Amino acid sequence: METSLKGCRVLVTGINGFIGSHLARELIATGAEVSGLIKQGADLWRIKDIVGRIALENADIRDYAQVQSAIRKACPRKVFHLAAYVNVSRSWEHSREMIDTNLLGTINLLHALEAGACDCFINSGTCEEYGDNTTPFTEDQCPNPVSPYSASKAAATLFCSMIYKTKKVPIVTLRPFLTYGPQQISNMLIPYVIQKALLGQDIEMTKGEQTREFNYVTDIVDGYIRASVTPQALGEVINIGNAKEYKIIDVVTMILKMLGNPVKPKAGALAYRPGETMHFYCDNTKARTILKWKPKVPLEEGLKKTIEWYLARKDRKAL
């Protein structure tokens, strides 16, 4: 088992995504030989500064032949699987795409790796798998998905656990909790509030009394890297989260204050979603004990770094 990533051949699926791009930079910094799996024609704006330092393999993870070919070329020792179809709405509209990508895509990767020398496959689960379970969420709770996305990810996690038990394939499933930071362009709370504020638009939101935990992206990346070099993590499902809950309204208020209060939050303008989970945070005991991981970036510091990134790029298309 590798104890260092220097010179190690690694493959990152979803390398052009938010967490994947940050992970790729850190892997390069450790001296790893990094390959990335991307779909043909994928937008590379997040990794344009490191494209010359990684090997990109074109493959749609839904296509086994493409995946098999890419795996043979990359010949990875470790695989960080972050590619996914993400949509946390309760709508059934994209259910088939989620199953094809999140479950069958994961199975395709595992099959393609069967004959290789991979000693660690990190499956990216999601905190969404817990649904409306009792908090703090612990890994021994049964999945309780409340959306097609969380159901598809829970299915992939169960499949990975089964493969580990029956074939001893070296799999670790990490469940990163809500993550934020530079280069996150989405409708998630923190980027949504920052972008709205910079555009001078009021923040329409619920009353904001529900709580969430927020993890700076470098802390999450640290969890991935630690898991990849920790033999004791194999076969485990591990939460990666700081276990600190904040009220949504308090986080929105903090962001706006840091921006000089350019707009006001319209708390209560939106209704809570059906089945809204009012408390959402993890127990991170396993990460602390098995991975020797702990969060390093406080919320205020992480928000400052994220806002600085947006301010530096507020006139660019990526915003």
Protein backbone atom coordinates (compact mmCIF):
# COMPACT_ATOMS: atom_id res chain seq x y z
CA MET A 1 0.00 0.00 0.00
CA GLU A 2 1.30 3.43 -0.92
CA THR A 3 2.16 5.69 2.01
CA SER A 4 2.98 8.71 -0.12
CA LEU A 5 1.49 10.07 -3.32
CA LYS A 6 4.80 11.27 -4.74
CA GLY A 7 5.24 9.58 -8.11
CA CYS A 8 1.93 7.73 -7.67
CA ARG A 9 -0.31 7.42 -10.72
CA VAL A 10 -3.75 8.74 -9.78
CA LEU A 11 -6.96 9.23 -11.72
CA VAL A 12 -9.59 11.84 -10.88
CA THR A 13 -13.03 11.55 -12.44
CA GLY A 14 -14.86 14.85 -12.54
CA ILE A 15 -11.50 16.62 -12.51
CA ASN A 16 -13.02 19.73 -14.08
CA GLY A 17 -15.65 20.02 -11.34
CA PHE A 18 -15.54 22.16 -8.21
CA ILE A 19 -13.99 19.73 -5.73
CA GLY A 20 -12.20 17.74 -8.45
CA SER A 21 -10.25 20.76 -9.68
CA HIS A 22 -9.08 21.67 -6.17
CA LEU A 23 -8.14 18.04 -5.54
CA ALA A 24 -6.12 17.91 -8.77
CA ARG A 25 -4.05 20.93 -7.77
CA GLU A 26 -3.27 19.45 -4.38
CA LEU A 27 -2.37 16.08 -5.92
CA ILE A 28 0.04 17.83 -8.27
CA ALA A 29 1.56 19.64 -5.29
CA THR A 30 2.17 16.29 -3.58
CA GLY A 31 4.11 15.06 -6.61
CA ALA A 32 1.48 12.63 -7.91
CA GLU A 33 1.18 11.81 -11.62
CA VAL A 34 -2.37 13.01 -12.29
CA SER A 35 -4.78 11.87 -14.98
CA GLY A 36 -8.31 13.14 -15.34
CA LEU A 37 -11.41 11.54 -16.82
CA ILE A 38 -13.65 14.01 -18.66
CA LYS A 39 -16.44 13.91 -21.21
CA GLN A 40 -15.67 15.01 -24.74
CA GLY A 41 -16.22 18.76 -25.05
CA ALA A 42 -16.29 19.36 -21.28
CA ASP A 43 -15.64 22.90 -20.05
CA LEU A 44 -12.13 23.11 -18.61
CA TRP A 45 -12.20 26.64 -17.20
CA ARG A 46 -11.54 25.48 -13.63
CA ILE A 47 -8.38 23.59 -14.60
CA LYS A 48 -7.05 25.70 -17.46
CA ASP A 49 -4.00 26.65 -15.38
CA ILE A 50 -2.98 23.01 -14.82
CA VAL A 51 -4.01 21.36 -18.10
CA GLY A 52 -0.37 21.09 -19.11
CA ARG A 53 0.44 19.18 -15.92
CA ILE A 54 -2.25 16.50 -16.14
CA ALA A 55 -3.14 13.81 -18.65
CA LEU A 56 -6.77 14.09 -19.75
CA GLU A 57 -8.63 11.01 -20.92
CA ASN A 58 -11.90 11.51 -22.79
CA ALA A 59 -14.60 9.14 -21.59
CA ASP A 60 -18.24 9.26 -20.60
CA ILE A 61 -18.50 7.09 -17.47
CA ARG A 62 -21.87 5.83 -18.73
CA ASP A 63 -20.05 4.13 -21.63
CA TYR A 64 -18.14 1.06 -20.45
CA ALA A 65 -15.99 0.74 -23.58
CA GLN A 66 -14.82 4.35 -23.24
CA VAL A 67 -14.13 3.91 -19.54
CA GLN A 68 -12.19 0.69 -20.09
CA SER A 69 -10.03 2.34 -22.75
CA ALA A 70 -9.32 5.36 -20.53
CA ILE A 71 -8.42 3.18 -17.54
CA ARG A 72 -5.97 1.16 -19.63
CA LYS A 73 -4.24 4.38 -20.72
CA ALA A 74 -4.14 5.95 -17.26
CA CYS A 75 -3.22 2.73 -15.40
CA PRO A 76 -3.95 4.37 -12.04
CA ARG A 77 -2.77 3.20 -8.65
CA LYS A 78 -5.46 5.25 -6.95
CA VAL A 79 -8.79 6.52 -8.23
CA PHE A 80 -10.68 9.50 -6.87
CA HIS A 81 -14.21 9.17 -8.22
CA LEU A 82 -15.99 12.54 -8.15
CA ALA A 83 -17.90 12.55 -11.45
CA ALA A 84 -21.64 12.76 -10.84
CA TYR A 85 -24.94 14.08 -12.08
CA VAL A 86 -25.94 16.49 -9.31
CA ASN A 87 -29.42 17.89 -8.79
CA VAL A 88 -30.78 17.95 -5.24
CA SER A 89 -34.33 18.92 -6.18
CA ARG A 90 -37.17 16.54 -5.40
CA SER A 91 -38.10 16.36 -9.10
CA TRP A 92 -38.10 13.02 -10.92
CA GLU A 93 -37.26 14.71 -14.21
CA HIS A 94 -33.60 13.64 -14.34
CA SER A 95 -33.84 10.34 -12.48
CA ARG A 96 -32.67 8.21 -15.40
CA GLU A 97 -29.59 10.37 -15.99
CA MET A 98 -28.74 10.14 -12.29
CA ILE A 99 -28.98 6.36 -12.24
CA ASP A 100 -26.98 6.08 -15.48
CA THR A 101 -24.22 8.37 -14.22
CA ASN A 102 -24.12 7.95 -10.45
CA LEU A 103 -24.79 4.22 -10.17
CA LEU A 104 -24.03 2.59 -13.51
CA GLY A 105 -21.09 4.94 -14.11
CA THR A 106 -19.56 3.88 -10.79
CA ILE A 107 -20.10 0.21 -11.69
CA ASN A 108 -18.42 0.78 -15.06
CA LEU A 109 -15.36 2.22 -13.36
CA LEU A 110 -15.10 -0.65 -10.90
CA HIS A 111 -15.41 -3.25 -13.65
CA ALA A 112 -12.77 -1.51 -15.74
CA LEU A 113 -10.39 -1.47 -12.77
CA GLU A 114 -10.83 -5.16 -11.91
CA ALA A 115 -7.76 -6.37 -13.74
CA GLY A 116 -5.57 -3.42 -12.79
CA ALA A 117 -3.24 -2.58 -9.92
CA CYS A 118 -5.49 0.00 -8.23
CA ASP A 119 -4.98 -0.14 -4.45
CA CYS A 120 -7.58 2.46 -3.49
CA PHE A 121 -10.85 3.51 -5.12
CA ILE A 122 -12.45 6.46 -3.37
CA ASN A 123 -16.14 6.60 -4.06
CA SER A 124 -17.73 10.00 -3.49
CA GLY A 125 -20.93 9.51 -1.61
CA THR A 126 -22.88 12.50 -0.35
CA CYS A 127 -24.27 13.84 2.88
CA GLU A 128 -27.62 13.90 1.06
CA GLU A 129 -27.83 10.13 1.57
CA TYR A 130 -28.84 10.76 5.19
CA GLY A 131 -31.98 12.67 4.19
CA ASP A 132 -34.03 13.47 7.27
CA ASN A 133 -32.32 11.08 9.66
CA THR A 134 -31.64 12.25 13.21
CA THR A 135 -28.64 14.56 13.60
CA PRO A 136 -25.76 14.44 13.98
CA PHE A 137 -25.54 12.02 11.07
CA THR A 138 -23.44 8.94 11.75
CA GLU A 139 -22.18 6.42 9.24
CA ASP A 140 -24.06 3.55 10.86
CA GLN A 141 -27.43 5.14 10.11
CA CYS A 142 -29.39 3.59 7.26
CA PRO A 143 -29.58 5.78 4.15
CA ASN A 144 -32.82 7.75 4.03
CA PRO A 145 -32.75 9.56 0.67
CA VAL A 146 -35.27 12.29 -0.05
CA SER A 147 -34.44 12.99 -3.72
CA PRO A 148 -33.57 11.01 -6.85
CA TYR A 149 -30.00 12.30 -6.54
CA SER A 150 -29.55 11.11 -2.96
CA ALA A 151 -31.20 7.78 -3.81
CA SER A 152 -28.82 7.22 -6.74
CA LYS A 153 -25.79 8.04 -4.59
CA ALA A 154 -27.02 5.82 -1.75
CA ALA A 155 -27.39 2.98 -4.26
CA ALA A 156 -23.81 3.50 -5.43
CA THR A 157 -22.56 3.49 -1.84
CA LEU A 158 -24.38 0.23 -1.10
CA PHE A 159 -22.98 -1.32 -4.28
CA CYS A 160 -19.44 -0.28 -3.33
CA SER A 161 -19.86 -1.72 0.17
CA MET A 162 -21.10 -4.98 -1.31
CA ILE A 163 -18.16 -5.21 -3.73
CA TYR A 164 -15.70 -4.60 -0.91
CA LYS A 165 -17.27 -7.32 1.24
CA THR A 166 -17.57 -9.92 -1.50
CA LYS A 167 -14.45 -9.26 -3.58
CA LYS A 168 -12.27 -7.18 -1.27
CA VAL A 169 -11.91 -4.50 -3.91
CA PRO A 170 -10.08 -1.66 -2.08
CA ILE A 171 -12.92 0.85 -1.81
CA VAL A 172 -13.48 3.77 0.56
CA THR A 173 -16.67 5.82 0.45
CA LEU A 174 -16.39 9.41 1.63
CA ARG A 175 -19.45 11.51 2.36
CA PRO A 176 -18.38 15.14 2.06
CA PHE A 177 -20.74 17.58 3.74
CA LEU A 178 -21.78 20.92 2.27
CA THR A 179 -18.69 22.35 0.60
CA TYR A 180 -17.91 25.87 -0.59
CA GLY A 181 -14.99 27.91 -1.87
CA PRO A 182 -13.47 29.56 -4.94
CA GLN A 183 -14.64 28.32 -8.35
CA GLN A 184 -18.01 27.12 -7.08
CA ILE A 185 -20.59 28.36 -9.55
CA SER A 186 -23.99 26.98 -8.66
CA ASN A 187 -27.28 27.64 -6.92
CA MET A 188 -25.88 26.39 -3.61
CA LEU A 189 -26.38 28.89 -0.79
CA ILE A 190 -22.99 30.58 -0.49
CA PRO A 191 -22.28 31.19 -4.21
CA TYR A 192 -25.94 32.14 -4.71
CA VAL A 193 -25.81 34.82 -2.01
CA ILE A 194 -22.44 36.20 -3.13
CA GLN A 195 -23.47 36.44 -6.77
CA LYS A 196 -26.83 38.02 -5.98
CA ALA A 197 -25.16 40.58 -3.72
CA LEU A 198 -22.55 41.50 -6.33
CA LEU A 199 -25.33 41.98 -8.87
CA GLY A 200 -27.23 44.20 -6.44
CA GLN A 201 -30.17 41.85 -6.23
CA ASP A 202 -32.06 41.13 -3.01
CA ILE A 203 -31.71 37.67 -1.54
CA GLU A 204 -35.01 35.81 -1.68
CA MET A 205 -34.92 33.00 0.85
CA THR A 206 -36.84 31.00 3.41
CA LYS A 207 -36.95 32.19 7.01
CA GLY A 208 -33.52 30.61 7.24
CA GLU A 209 -33.98 28.95 10.60
CA GLN A 210 -32.81 25.58 9.29
CA THR A 211 -29.20 24.72 10.08
CA ARG A 212 -26.42 23.42 7.87
CA GLU A 213 -22.68 22.88 8.20
CA PHE A 214 -20.29 24.50 5.72
CA ASN A 215 -16.86 23.11 4.84
CA TYR A 216 -14.13 24.97 3.00
CA VAL A 217 -13.02 23.02 -0.04
CA THR A 218 -9.39 22.55 1.01
CA ASP A 219 -10.55 20.74 4.15
CA ILE A 220 -12.57 18.33 2.03
CA VAL A 221 -9.62 17.77 -0.32
CA ASP A 222 -7.44 16.98 2.69
CA GLY A 223 -9.93 14.27 3.67
CA TYR A 224 -9.75 12.69 0.21
CA ILE A 225 -5.97 12.60 0.19
CA ARG A 226 -5.73 11.20 3.71
CA ALA A 227 -8.25 8.47 2.84
CA SER A 228 -6.20 7.43 -0.18
CA VAL A 229 -3.10 6.66 1.92
CA THR A 230 -4.82 5.16 4.99
CA PRO A 231 -5.15 1.35 4.76
CA GLN A 232 -7.50 1.31 7.75
CA ALA A 233 -10.03 3.31 5.72
CA LEU A 234 -10.63 0.51 3.20
CA GLY A 235 -14.17 -0.79 3.35
CA GLU A 236 -15.36 2.16 5.42
CA VAL A 237 -17.94 4.86 4.86
CA ILE A 238 -16.59 8.09 6.36
CA ASN A 239 -18.17 11.50 6.87
CA ILE A 240 -15.96 14.45 5.95
CA GLY A 241 -17.42 17.46 7.71
CA ASN A 242 -16.66 19.87 10.53
CA ALA A 243 -19.79 18.98 12.56
CA LYS A 244 -20.60 22.66 13.22
CA GLU A 245 -24.14 23.78 12.42
CA TYR A 246 -25.10 27.33 11.49
CA LYS A 247 -28.50 28.86 10.84
CA ILE A 248 -28.92 29.74 7.18
CA ILE A 249 -30.03 33.28 8.01
CA ASP A 250 -26.88 33.80 10.09
CA VAL A 251 -24.62 32.70 7.23
CA VAL A 252 -26.45 34.96 4.76
CA THR A 253 -26.14 37.88 7.18
CA MET A 254 -22.42 37.18 7.64
CA ILE A 255 -21.78 37.15 3.88
CA LEU A 256 -23.69 40.39 3.28
CA LYS A 257 -21.88 42.11 6.14
CA MET A 258 -18.52 41.10 4.66
CA LEU A 259 -19.63 42.61 1.35
CA GLY A 260 -20.74 45.86 2.98
CA ASN A 261 -24.48 45.01 3.08
CA PRO A 262 -25.18 45.95 -0.57
CA VAL A 263 -28.61 44.26 -0.44
CA LYS A 264 -31.01 42.89 2.13
CA PRO A 265 -32.08 39.31 2.71
CA LYS A 266 -35.79 38.79 2.15
CA ALA A 267 -36.23 36.14 4.82
CA GLY A 268 -39.53 34.32 4.44
CA ALA A 269 -39.99 35.23 0.78
CA LEU A 270 -39.72 31.53 -0.08
CA ALA A 271 -41.48 28.62 1.56
CA TYR A 272 -39.53 25.72 2.99
CA ARG A 273 -39.31 22.75 0.62
CA PRO A 274 -41.69 19.87 1.29
CA GLY A 275 -39.99 17.70 3.89
CA GLU A 276 -37.32 20.34 4.58
CA THR A 277 -34.61 19.00 6.88
CA MET A 278 -34.27 21.53 9.69
CA HIS A 279 -30.94 20.27 11.05
CA PHE A 280 -28.15 18.91 8.86
CA TYR A 281 -24.68 18.22 10.23
CA CYS A 282 -22.44 15.24 10.82
CA ASP A 283 -20.60 13.31 13.46
CA ASN A 284 -16.98 13.25 12.22
CA THR A 285 -15.55 10.83 14.79
CA LYS A 286 -14.51 8.29 12.14
CA ALA A 287 -12.66 10.89 10.06
CA ARG A 288 -10.83 12.13 13.13
CA THR A 289 -9.88 8.67 14.39
CA ILE A 290 -9.26 6.71 11.18
CA LEU A 291 -7.92 9.45 8.92
CA LYS A 292 -6.47 11.72 11.62
CA TRP A 293 -8.38 14.45 9.81
CA LYS A 294 -9.69 17.65 11.30
CA PRO A 295 -11.07 20.85 9.74
CA LYS A 296 -8.61 23.74 9.55
CA VAL A 297 -10.49 26.64 7.94
CA PRO A 298 -13.05 28.51 10.07
CA LEU A 299 -16.22 29.70 8.33
CA GLU A 300 -15.35 33.39 8.45
CA GLU A 301 -11.90 32.78 6.94
CA GLY A 302 -13.30 30.54 4.22
CA LEU A 303 -16.01 33.03 3.32
CA LYS A 304 -13.42 35.78 3.06
CA LYS A 305 -11.32 33.71 0.64
CA THR A 306 -14.38 32.81 -1.41
CA ILE A 307 -15.60 36.41 -1.62
CA GLU A 308 -12.12 37.56 -2.67
CA TRP A 309 -12.22 35.09 -5.55
CA TYR A 310 -15.59 36.38 -6.71
CA LEU A 311 -14.54 40.02 -6.39
CA ALA A 312 -11.46 39.38 -8.52
CA ARG A 313 -13.59 37.76 -11.24
CA LYS A 314 -16.93 39.54 -10.99
CA ASP A 315 -16.83 40.75 -14.60
CA ARG A 316 -15.97 37.37 -16.07
CA LYS A 317 -18.30 34.98 -17.82
CA ALA A 318 -17.78 32.32 -15.13
CA LEU A 319 -19.69 34.41 -12.62
